[in-house]
Amino acid sequence: MINDPLPIQEADLPPLGADFSERFEREKRPPCQLYLVSPSAINVSFADALKSALSAGGVAAFQLRLKGLDDDVIAQAAEPLQRICADHETAFIINDSMALAKRLGADGVHLGQDDGDPREARALLGRDAQIGVTCHNDRHLAMEAGEAGADYVAFGAFYPTHTKEVQSTADPAILSWWITLFGTPCVAIGGITPDNAMPLINAGADFIAVSAAVWNSPDGAQAAVTKFAALMP
C-alpha cells in the first residue's frame, strides 16, 4: 500500500533570495493599483471619507472589513458605501463572509484562512466574483489558493500595523517570486504608507492594500490617495 505524500509546507520550500526574480524574465503586468480597506469600526461620517478618497481616482477596490458586528448591522452600513463604490467604478469587496457578499450582491469577497474555500465562494458567488485569499508569508498557501481559483492572493504584513493582529512578517521577495511564476495578481498588505510603499511596488505587487495611512491621514483621505497614486507608474 502506497501512503499519500504529506502536504508541502512553507518550511519545506527553499528560502528566497532577494535576487530571485532577477534570474528570470518577468512577464509584463499592468501597473500597480490601490486597494482600500475600511477601518474595523466606522461611523456615519465614513461615507463622506470614502467618497473623498475615491474622488482622487485610481482606487481599484474597497474592502469593507468591520469586526464584532452581526451581518444585519454590516449590511446596513454597507448600503451607502456600496453605492459610492459603484459611482466611482471601484470594486466593492466584503471581508470574511461569502454569505454576506452574496446577500449584498458585492463584487467579491476576501477570505482569511479560516473563512472557507475559494471553490465554495465561487460556487456561491458566480464566475464574475472577485475572490481573494489571505496567504500571510506562505508560498504554499498562495499556491493552494491559486489552484482553488482565487482571483488574487494577499501577502503580508510587510510593516508593523495596528489595523489587525499580525500573524507573520512578509519579505518583498515573496512578491517577486509570485509574479515570476504565476499570473494571478498579488496584493501587498500591512502597515503600508506613501513613505514605504515603493519597495513593494518595485518588487511586483499588483495591488497595495492600505487602511490607516488613508483614513488616519492628517491631510485627509483624498490627499492620502493622491500621494499613493503618485507612486504608481
C-alpha atoms as a PDB file:
ATOM      1  CA  MET A   1       0.000   0.000   0.000  1.00  0.00           C
ATOM      2  CA  ILE A   2       1.368   3.420  -1.008  1.00  0.00           C
ATOM      3  CA  ASN A   3       0.821   6.177   1.508  1.00  0.00           C
ATOM      4  CA  ASP A   4      -0.323   9.570   0.287  1.00  0.00           C
ATOM      5  CA  PRO A   5       2.520  12.104   0.355  1.00  0.00           C
ATOM      6  CA  LEU A   6       2.462  14.668   3.131  1.00  0.00           C
ATOM      7  CA  PRO A   7       1.379  18.145   2.003  1.00  0.00           C
ATOM      8  CA  ILE A   8       4.171  20.610   1.321  1.00  0.00           C
ATOM      9  CA  GLN A   9       4.526  23.346   3.911  1.00  0.00           C
ATOM     10  CA  GLU A  10       6.286  26.710   3.672  1.00  0.00           C
ATOM     11  CA  ALA A  11       9.127  25.313   5.803  1.00  0.00           C
ATOM     12  CA  ASP A  12       9.721  22.622   3.174  1.00  0.00           C
ATOM     13  CA  LEU A  13      10.384  25.188   0.430  1.00  0.00           C
ATOM     14  CA  PRO A  14      13.857  26.641  -0.173  1.00  0.00           C
ATOM     15  CA  PRO A  15      14.446  30.189   1.091  1.00  0.00           C
ATOM     16  CA  LEU A  16      14.003  33.055  -1.342  1.00  0.00           C
ATOM     17  CA  GLY A  17      16.969  35.225  -2.191  1.00  0.00           C
ATOM     18  CA  ALA A  18      16.425  38.929  -2.735  1.00  0.00           C
ATOM     19  CA  ASP A  19      17.596  38.443  -6.331  1.00  0.00           C
ATOM     20  CA  PHE A  20      15.220  35.560  -7.092  1.00  0.00           C
ATOM     21  CA  SER A  21      13.226  37.319  -9.807  1.00  0.00           C
ATOM     22  CA  GLU A  22      16.354  38.726 -11.461  1.00  0.00           C
ATOM     23  CA  ARG A  23      17.223  35.209 -12.623  1.00  0.00           C
ATOM     24  CA  PHE A  24      14.092  35.090 -14.753  1.00  0.00           C
ATOM     25  CA  GLU A  25      12.472  37.235 -17.392  1.00  0.00           C
ATOM     26  CA  ARG A  26       9.402  38.914 -15.911  1.00  0.00           C
ATOM     27  CA  GLU A  27       6.165  38.910 -17.816  1.00  0.00           C
ATOM     28  CA  LYS A  28       4.861  42.454 -18.237  1.00  0.00           C
ATOM     29  CA  ARG A  29       1.931  43.142 -15.914  1.00  0.00           C
ATOM     30  CA  PRO A  30      -0.457  46.079 -15.545  1.00  0.00           C
ATOM     31  CA  PRO A  31       0.700  48.924 -13.275  1.00  0.00           C
ATOM     32  CA  CYS A  32       0.202  48.559  -9.516  1.00  0.00           C
ATOM     33  CA  GLN A  33      -3.143  49.793  -8.217  1.00  0.00           C
ATOM     34  CA  LEU A  34      -4.546  50.891  -4.877  1.00  0.00           C
ATOM     35  CA  TYR A  35      -6.852  48.671  -2.792  1.00  0.00           C
ATOM     36  CA  LEU A  36      -8.506  50.415   0.172  1.00  0.00           C
ATOM     37  CA  VAL A  37      -9.553  48.556   3.328  1.00  0.00           C
ATOM     38  CA  SER A  38     -12.001  50.109   5.774  1.00  0.00           C
ATOM     39  CA  PRO A  39     -11.256  50.603   9.464  1.00  0.00           C
ATOM     40  CA  SER A  40     -12.603  47.793  11.657  1.00  0.00           C
ATOM     41  CA  ALA A  41     -15.213  50.240  13.037  1.00  0.00           C
ATOM     42  CA  ILE A  42     -16.875  53.158  11.253  1.00  0.00           C
ATOM     43  CA  ASN A  43     -19.497  55.822  11.932  1.00  0.00           C
ATOM     44  CA  VAL A  44     -21.985  57.643   9.709  1.00  0.00           C
ATOM     45  CA  SER A  45     -19.360  60.139   8.557  1.00  0.00           C
ATOM     46  CA  PHE A  46     -17.273  57.397   6.970  1.00  0.00           C
ATOM     47  CA  ALA A  47     -19.330  57.550   3.772  1.00  0.00           C
ATOM     48  CA  ASP A  48     -18.031  61.097   3.222  1.00  0.00           C
ATOM     49  CA  ALA A  49     -14.453  59.943   3.831  1.00  0.00           C
ATOM     50  CA  LEU A  50     -14.871  57.117   1.323  1.00  0.00           C
ATOM     51  CA  LYS A  51     -16.365  59.451  -1.275  1.00  0.00           C
ATOM     52  CA  SER A  52     -13.457  61.821  -0.759  1.00  0.00           C
ATOM     53  CA  ALA A  53     -10.887  59.036  -1.100  1.00  0.00           C
ATOM     54  CA  LEU A  54     -12.418  57.617  -4.273  1.00  0.00           C
ATOM     55  CA  SER A  55     -12.774  61.047  -5.841  1.00  0.00           C
ATOM     56  CA  ALA A  56      -8.974  61.193  -6.052  1.00  0.00           C
ATOM     57  CA  GLY A  57      -9.196  58.429  -8.659  1.00  0.00           C
ATOM     58  CA  GLY A  58      -7.170  55.291  -9.205  1.00  0.00           C
ATOM     59  CA  VAL A  59      -8.685  53.105  -6.473  1.00  0.00           C
ATOM     60  CA  ALA A  60      -9.351  49.639  -7.875  1.00  0.00           C
ATOM     61  CA  ALA A  61     -11.153  48.109  -4.911  1.00  0.00           C
ATOM     62  CA  PHE A  62     -12.593  48.863  -1.490  1.00  0.00           C
ATOM     63  CA  GLN A  63     -12.941  46.171   1.156  1.00  0.00           C
ATOM     64  CA  LEU A  64     -15.498  46.583   3.927  1.00  0.00           C
ATOM     65  CA  ARG A  65     -13.848  44.997   6.957  1.00  0.00           C
ATOM     66  CA  LEU A  66     -15.987  45.513  10.075  1.00  0.00           C
ATOM     67  CA  LYS A  67     -15.305  43.392  13.125  1.00  0.00           C
ATOM     68  CA  GLY A  68     -17.530  42.293  16.009  1.00  0.00           C
ATOM     69  CA  LEU A  69     -20.830  43.090  14.260  1.00  0.00           C
ATOM     70  CA  ASP A  70     -23.578  40.808  13.004  1.00  0.00           C
ATOM     71  CA  ASP A  71     -24.415  40.617   9.321  1.00  0.00           C
ATOM     72  CA  ASP A  72     -27.558  42.745   9.598  1.00  0.00           C
ATOM     73  CA  VAL A  73     -25.599  45.668  11.041  1.00  0.00           C
ATOM     74  CA  ILE A  74     -22.838  45.303   8.452  1.00  0.00           C
ATOM     75  CA  ALA A  75     -25.425  45.112   5.661  1.00  0.00           C
ATOM     76  CA  GLN A  76     -26.996  48.361   6.833  1.00  0.00           C
ATOM     77  CA  ALA A  77     -23.600  50.070   6.965  1.00  0.00           C
ATOM     78  CA  ALA A  78     -22.678  48.661   3.562  1.00  0.00           C
ATOM     79  CA  GLU A  79     -25.589  50.100   1.591  1.00  0.00           C
ATOM     80  CA  PRO A  80     -24.364  53.702   1.114  1.00  0.00           C
ATOM     81  CA  LEU A  81     -20.736  52.588   0.767  1.00  0.00           C
ATOM     82  CA  GLN A  82     -21.605  50.125  -1.972  1.00  0.00           C
ATOM     83  CA  ARG A  83     -23.393  52.868  -3.904  1.00  0.00           C
ATOM     84  CA  ILE A  84     -20.379  55.161  -3.595  1.00  0.00           C
ATOM     85  CA  CYS A  85     -18.089  52.435  -4.909  1.00  0.00           C
ATOM     86  CA  ALA A  86     -20.401  51.805  -7.863  1.00  0.00           C
ATOM     87  CA  ASP A  87     -20.482  55.520  -8.658  1.00  0.00           C
ATOM     88  CA  HIS A  88     -16.673  55.547  -8.784  1.00  0.00           C
ATOM     89  CA  GLU A  89     -16.291  52.218 -10.628  1.00  0.00           C
ATOM     90  CA  THR A  90     -14.484  50.725  -7.634  1.00  0.00           C
ATOM     91  CA  ALA A  91     -14.983  47.056  -6.791  1.00  0.00           C
ATOM     92  CA  PHE A  92     -16.857  46.563  -3.500  1.00  0.00           C
ATOM     93  CA  ILE A  93     -15.430  43.627  -1.544  1.00  0.00           C
ATOM     94  CA  ILE A  94     -16.767  42.090   1.666  1.00  0.00           C
ATOM     95  CA  ASN A  95     -14.321  40.725   4.212  1.00  0.00           C
ATOM     96  CA  ASP A  96     -14.640  37.171   5.576  1.00  0.00           C
ATOM     97  CA  SER A  97     -18.276  36.330   4.789  1.00  0.00           C
ATOM     98  CA  MET A  98     -19.170  34.842   1.427  1.00  0.00           C
ATOM     99  CA  ALA A  99     -22.802  34.606   2.580  1.00  0.00           C
ATOM    100  CA  LEU A 100     -22.939  38.353   3.257  1.00  0.00           C
ATOM    101  CA  ALA A 101     -21.225  39.069  -0.067  1.00  0.00           C
ATOM    102  CA  LYS A 102     -23.957  37.038  -1.766  1.00  0.00           C
ATOM    103  CA  ARG A 103     -26.715  38.810   0.183  1.00  0.00           C
ATOM    104  CA  LEU A 104     -25.409  42.251  -0.789  1.00  0.00           C
ATOM    105  CA  GLY A 105     -24.545  41.443  -4.371  1.00  0.00           C
ATOM    106  CA  ALA A 106     -20.981  42.552  -3.649  1.00  0.00           C
ATOM    107  CA  ASP A 107     -18.327  42.417  -6.330  1.00  0.00           C
ATOM    108  CA  GLY A 108     -16.389  39.876  -4.306  1.00  0.00           C
ATOM    109  CA  VAL A 109     -15.185  38.530  -1.003  1.00  0.00           C
ATOM    110  CA  HIS A 110     -11.853  38.410   0.778  1.00  0.00           C
ATOM    111  CA  LEU A 111     -11.295  35.173   2.671  1.00  0.00           C
ATOM    112  CA  GLY A 112      -8.970  34.603   5.599  1.00  0.00           C
ATOM    113  CA  GLN A 113      -7.522  31.155   6.114  1.00  0.00           C
ATOM    114  CA  ASP A 114     -10.459  30.200   8.353  1.00  0.00           C
ATOM    115  CA  ASP A 115     -13.238  31.719   6.225  1.00  0.00           C
ATOM    116  CA  GLY A 116     -13.887  28.953   3.736  1.00  0.00           C
ATOM    117  CA  ASP A 117     -12.634  27.569   0.456  1.00  0.00           C
ATOM    118  CA  PRO A 118     -12.401  29.731  -2.684  1.00  0.00           C
ATOM    119  CA  ARG A 119     -14.178  26.943  -4.576  1.00  0.00           C
ATOM    120  CA  GLU A 120     -17.144  27.256  -2.239  1.00  0.00           C
ATOM    121  CA  ALA A 121     -17.145  31.030  -2.676  1.00  0.00           C
ATOM    122  CA  ARG A 122     -17.027  30.643  -6.453  1.00  0.00           C
ATOM    123  CA  ALA A 123     -19.968  28.251  -6.445  1.00  0.00           C
ATOM    124  CA  LEU A 124     -21.979  30.675  -4.303  1.00  0.00           C
ATOM    125  CA  LEU A 125     -20.981  34.000  -5.868  1.00  0.00           C
ATOM    126  CA  GLY A 126     -20.511  33.059  -9.508  1.00  0.00           C
ATOM    127  CA  ARG A 127     -17.728  33.212 -12.035  1.00  0.00           C
ATOM    128  CA  ASP A 128     -17.526  37.020 -12.132  1.00  0.00           C
ATOM    129  CA  ALA A 129     -16.954  37.475  -8.392  1.00  0.00           C
ATOM    130  CA  GLN A 130     -13.542  38.667  -7.219  1.00  0.00           C
ATOM    131  CA  ILE A 131     -12.289  36.194  -4.625  1.00  0.00           C
ATOM    132  CA  GLY A 132      -9.155  36.978  -2.634  1.00  0.00           C
ATOM    133  CA  VAL A 133      -7.334  34.906  -0.047  1.00  0.00           C
ATOM    134  CA  THR A 134      -5.011  35.879   2.800  1.00  0.00           C
ATOM    135  CA  CYS A 135      -1.745  33.943   2.458  1.00  0.00           C
ATOM    136  CA  HIS A 136       0.443  35.689   5.064  1.00  0.00           C
ATOM    137  CA  ASN A 137       4.093  34.978   4.136  1.00  0.00           C
ATOM    138  CA  ASP A 138       3.376  31.433   2.994  1.00  0.00           C
ATOM    139  CA  ARG A 139       4.108  30.337  -0.566  1.00  0.00           C
ATOM    140  CA  HIS A 140       2.316  27.047  -0.116  1.00  0.00           C
ATOM    141  CA  LEU A 141      -0.898  28.755   0.997  1.00  0.00           C
ATOM    142  CA  ALA A 142      -0.673  31.049  -2.021  1.00  0.00           C
ATOM    143  CA  MET A 143      -0.221  28.152  -4.425  1.00  0.00           C
ATOM    144  CA  GLU A 144      -3.172  26.375  -2.846  1.00  0.00           C
ATOM    145  CA  ALA A 145      -5.322  29.499  -3.204  1.00  0.00           C
ATOM    146  CA  GLY A 146      -4.315  29.886  -6.830  1.00  0.00           C
ATOM    147  CA  GLU A 147      -5.144  26.260  -7.569  1.00  0.00           C
ATOM    148  CA  ALA A 148      -8.532  26.738  -5.882  1.00  0.00           C
ATOM    149  CA  GLY A 149      -9.374  29.573  -8.280  1.00  0.00           C
ATOM    150  CA  ALA A 150      -8.634  32.683  -6.216  1.00  0.00           C
ATOM    151  CA  ASP A 151      -8.586  35.899  -8.236  1.00  0.00           C
ATOM    152  CA  TYR A 152      -5.821  37.316  -6.067  1.00  0.00           C
ATOM    153  CA  VAL A 153      -3.567  36.267  -3.197  1.00  0.00           C
ATOM    154  CA  ALA A 154      -2.648  38.659  -0.388  1.00  0.00           C
ATOM    155  CA  PHE A 155       0.764  38.639   1.294  1.00  0.00           C
ATOM    156  CA  GLY A 156       1.737  40.454   4.498  1.00  0.00           C
ATOM    157  CA  ALA A 157       2.160  42.066   6.847  1.00  0.00           C
ATOM    158  CA  PHE A 158       5.157  43.821   5.344  1.00  0.00           C
ATOM    159  CA  TYR A 159       5.403  46.500   8.017  1.00  0.00           C
ATOM    160  CA  PRO A 160       4.179  46.922  11.604  1.00  0.00           C
ATOM    161  CA  THR A 161       0.460  47.644  11.739  1.00  0.00           C
ATOM    162  CA  HIS A 162      -2.279  48.166  14.319  1.00  0.00           C
ATOM    163  CA  THR A 163      -5.111  47.600  11.845  1.00  0.00           C
ATOM    164  CA  LYS A 164      -5.151  43.859  12.534  1.00  0.00           C
ATOM    165  CA  GLU A 165      -3.197  41.294  14.512  1.00  0.00           C
ATOM    166  CA  VAL A 166      -0.023  40.373  12.652  1.00  0.00           C
ATOM    167  CA  GLN A 167       0.478  36.625  12.271  1.00  0.00           C
ATOM    168  CA  SER A 168       3.590  36.825  10.111  1.00  0.00           C
ATOM    169  CA  THR A 169       6.034  39.332   8.687  1.00  0.00           C
ATOM    170  CA  ALA A 170       6.454  39.123   4.938  1.00  0.00           C
ATOM    171  CA  ASP A 171       9.505  39.869   2.811  1.00  0.00           C
ATOM    172  CA  PRO A 172       9.104  41.731  -0.504  1.00  0.00           C
ATOM    173  CA  ALA A 173      10.918  38.830  -2.184  1.00  0.00           C
ATOM    174  CA  ILE A 174       7.709  36.782  -1.939  1.00  0.00           C
ATOM    175  CA  LEU A 175       6.015  39.256  -4.287  1.00  0.00           C
ATOM    176  CA  SER A 176       8.800  38.900  -6.844  1.00  0.00           C
ATOM    177  CA  TRP A 177       8.673  35.128  -6.534  1.00  0.00           C
ATOM    178  CA  TRP A 178       4.922  35.073  -7.074  1.00  0.00           C
ATOM    179  CA  ILE A 179       4.783  37.310 -10.137  1.00  0.00           C
ATOM    180  CA  THR A 180       7.716  35.471 -11.712  1.00  0.00           C
ATOM    181  CA  LEU A 181       5.914  32.139 -11.561  1.00  0.00           C
ATOM    182  CA  PHE A 182       2.188  32.879 -11.532  1.00  0.00           C
ATOM    183  CA  GLY A 183      -0.268  35.083 -13.402  1.00  0.00           C
ATOM    184  CA  THR A 184      -2.793  35.500 -10.576  1.00  0.00           C
ATOM    185  CA  PRO A 185      -2.500  39.033  -9.120  1.00  0.00           C
ATOM    186  CA  CYS A 186      -0.900  39.549  -5.708  1.00  0.00           C
ATOM    187  CA  VAL A 187      -1.776  42.115  -3.051  1.00  0.00           C
ATOM    188  CA  ALA A 188       0.691  43.532  -0.538  1.00  0.00           C
ATOM    189  CA  ILE A 189      -0.808  44.491   2.816  1.00  0.00           C
ATOM    190  CA  GLY A 190       0.239  45.576   6.274  1.00  0.00           C
ATOM    191  CA  GLY A 191       1.434  48.955   7.531  1.00  0.00           C
ATOM    192  CA  ILE A 192       1.890  50.423   4.044  1.00  0.00           C
ATOM    193  CA  THR A 193       2.292  54.196   3.748  1.00  0.00           C
ATOM    194  CA  PRO A 194       3.345  56.536   0.929  1.00  0.00           C
ATOM    195  CA  ASP A 195       6.815  56.547   2.512  1.00  0.00           C
ATOM    196  CA  ASN A 196       7.376  52.777   2.482  1.00  0.00           C
ATOM    197  CA  ALA A 197       5.293  51.557  -0.459  1.00  0.00           C
ATOM    198  CA  MET A 198       7.920  51.785  -3.219  1.00  0.00           C
ATOM    199  CA  PRO A 199       9.898  48.628  -2.293  1.00  0.00           C
ATOM    200  CA  LEU A 200       6.654  46.643  -2.589  1.00  0.00           C
ATOM    201  CA  ILE A 201       5.683  48.269  -5.874  1.00  0.00           C
ATOM    202  CA  ASN A 202       9.179  47.619  -7.231  1.00  0.00           C
ATOM    203  CA  ALA A 203       9.046  44.021  -6.019  1.00  0.00           C
ATOM    204  CA  GLY A 204       5.997  43.473  -8.195  1.00  0.00           C
ATOM    205  CA  ALA A 205       2.853  43.966  -6.117  1.00  0.00           C
ATOM    206  CA  ASP A 206      -0.156  44.167  -8.414  1.00  0.00           C
ATOM    207  CA  PHE A 207      -2.091  45.963  -5.675  1.00  0.00           C
ATOM    208  CA  ILE A 208      -1.140  47.615  -2.414  1.00  0.00           C
ATOM    209  CA  ALA A 209      -3.813  47.401   0.263  1.00  0.00           C
ATOM    210  CA  VAL A 210      -3.923  50.310   2.672  1.00  0.00           C
ATOM    211  CA  SER A 211      -6.113  51.362   5.553  1.00  0.00           C
ATOM    212  CA  ALA A 212      -4.793  53.564   8.361  1.00  0.00           C
ATOM    213  CA  ALA A 213      -2.476  55.519   6.055  1.00  0.00           C
ATOM    214  CA  VAL A 214      -5.560  56.821   4.263  1.00  0.00           C
ATOM    215  CA  TRP A 215      -8.275  57.046   6.920  1.00  0.00           C
ATOM    216  CA  ASN A 216      -5.958  58.453   9.615  1.00  0.00           C
ATOM    217  CA  SER A 217      -4.048  60.816   7.351  1.00  0.00           C
ATOM    218  CA  PRO A 218      -3.827  64.323   8.868  1.00  0.00           C
ATOM    219  CA  ASP A 219      -4.210  65.708   5.336  1.00  0.00           C
ATOM    220  CA  GLY A 220      -7.428  63.798   4.695  1.00  0.00           C
ATOM    221  CA  ALA A 221      -8.295  60.685   2.715  1.00  0.00           C
ATOM    222  CA  GLN A 222      -8.274  62.345  -0.695  1.00  0.00           C
ATOM    223  CA  ALA A 223      -4.778  63.765  -0.228  1.00  0.00           C
ATOM    224  CA  ALA A 224      -3.506  60.406   1.038  1.00  0.00           C
ATOM    225  CA  VAL A 225      -4.855  58.561  -2.016  1.00  0.00           C
ATOM    226  CA  THR A 226      -3.269  61.196  -4.251  1.00  0.00           C
ATOM    227  CA  LYS A 227       0.117  60.567  -2.596  1.00  0.00           C
ATOM    228  CA  PHE A 228      -0.190  56.821  -3.227  1.00  0.00           C
ATOM    229  CA  ALA A 229      -1.288  57.379  -6.818  1.00  0.00           C
ATOM    230  CA  ALA A 230       1.813  59.482  -7.474  1.00  0.00           C
ATOM    231  CA  LEU A 231       3.977  56.434  -6.682  1.00  0.00           C
ATOM    232  CA  MET A 232       2.375  54.206  -9.270  1.00  0.00           C
ATOM    233  CA  PRO A 233       3.535  54.229 -12.899  1.00  0.00           C
END
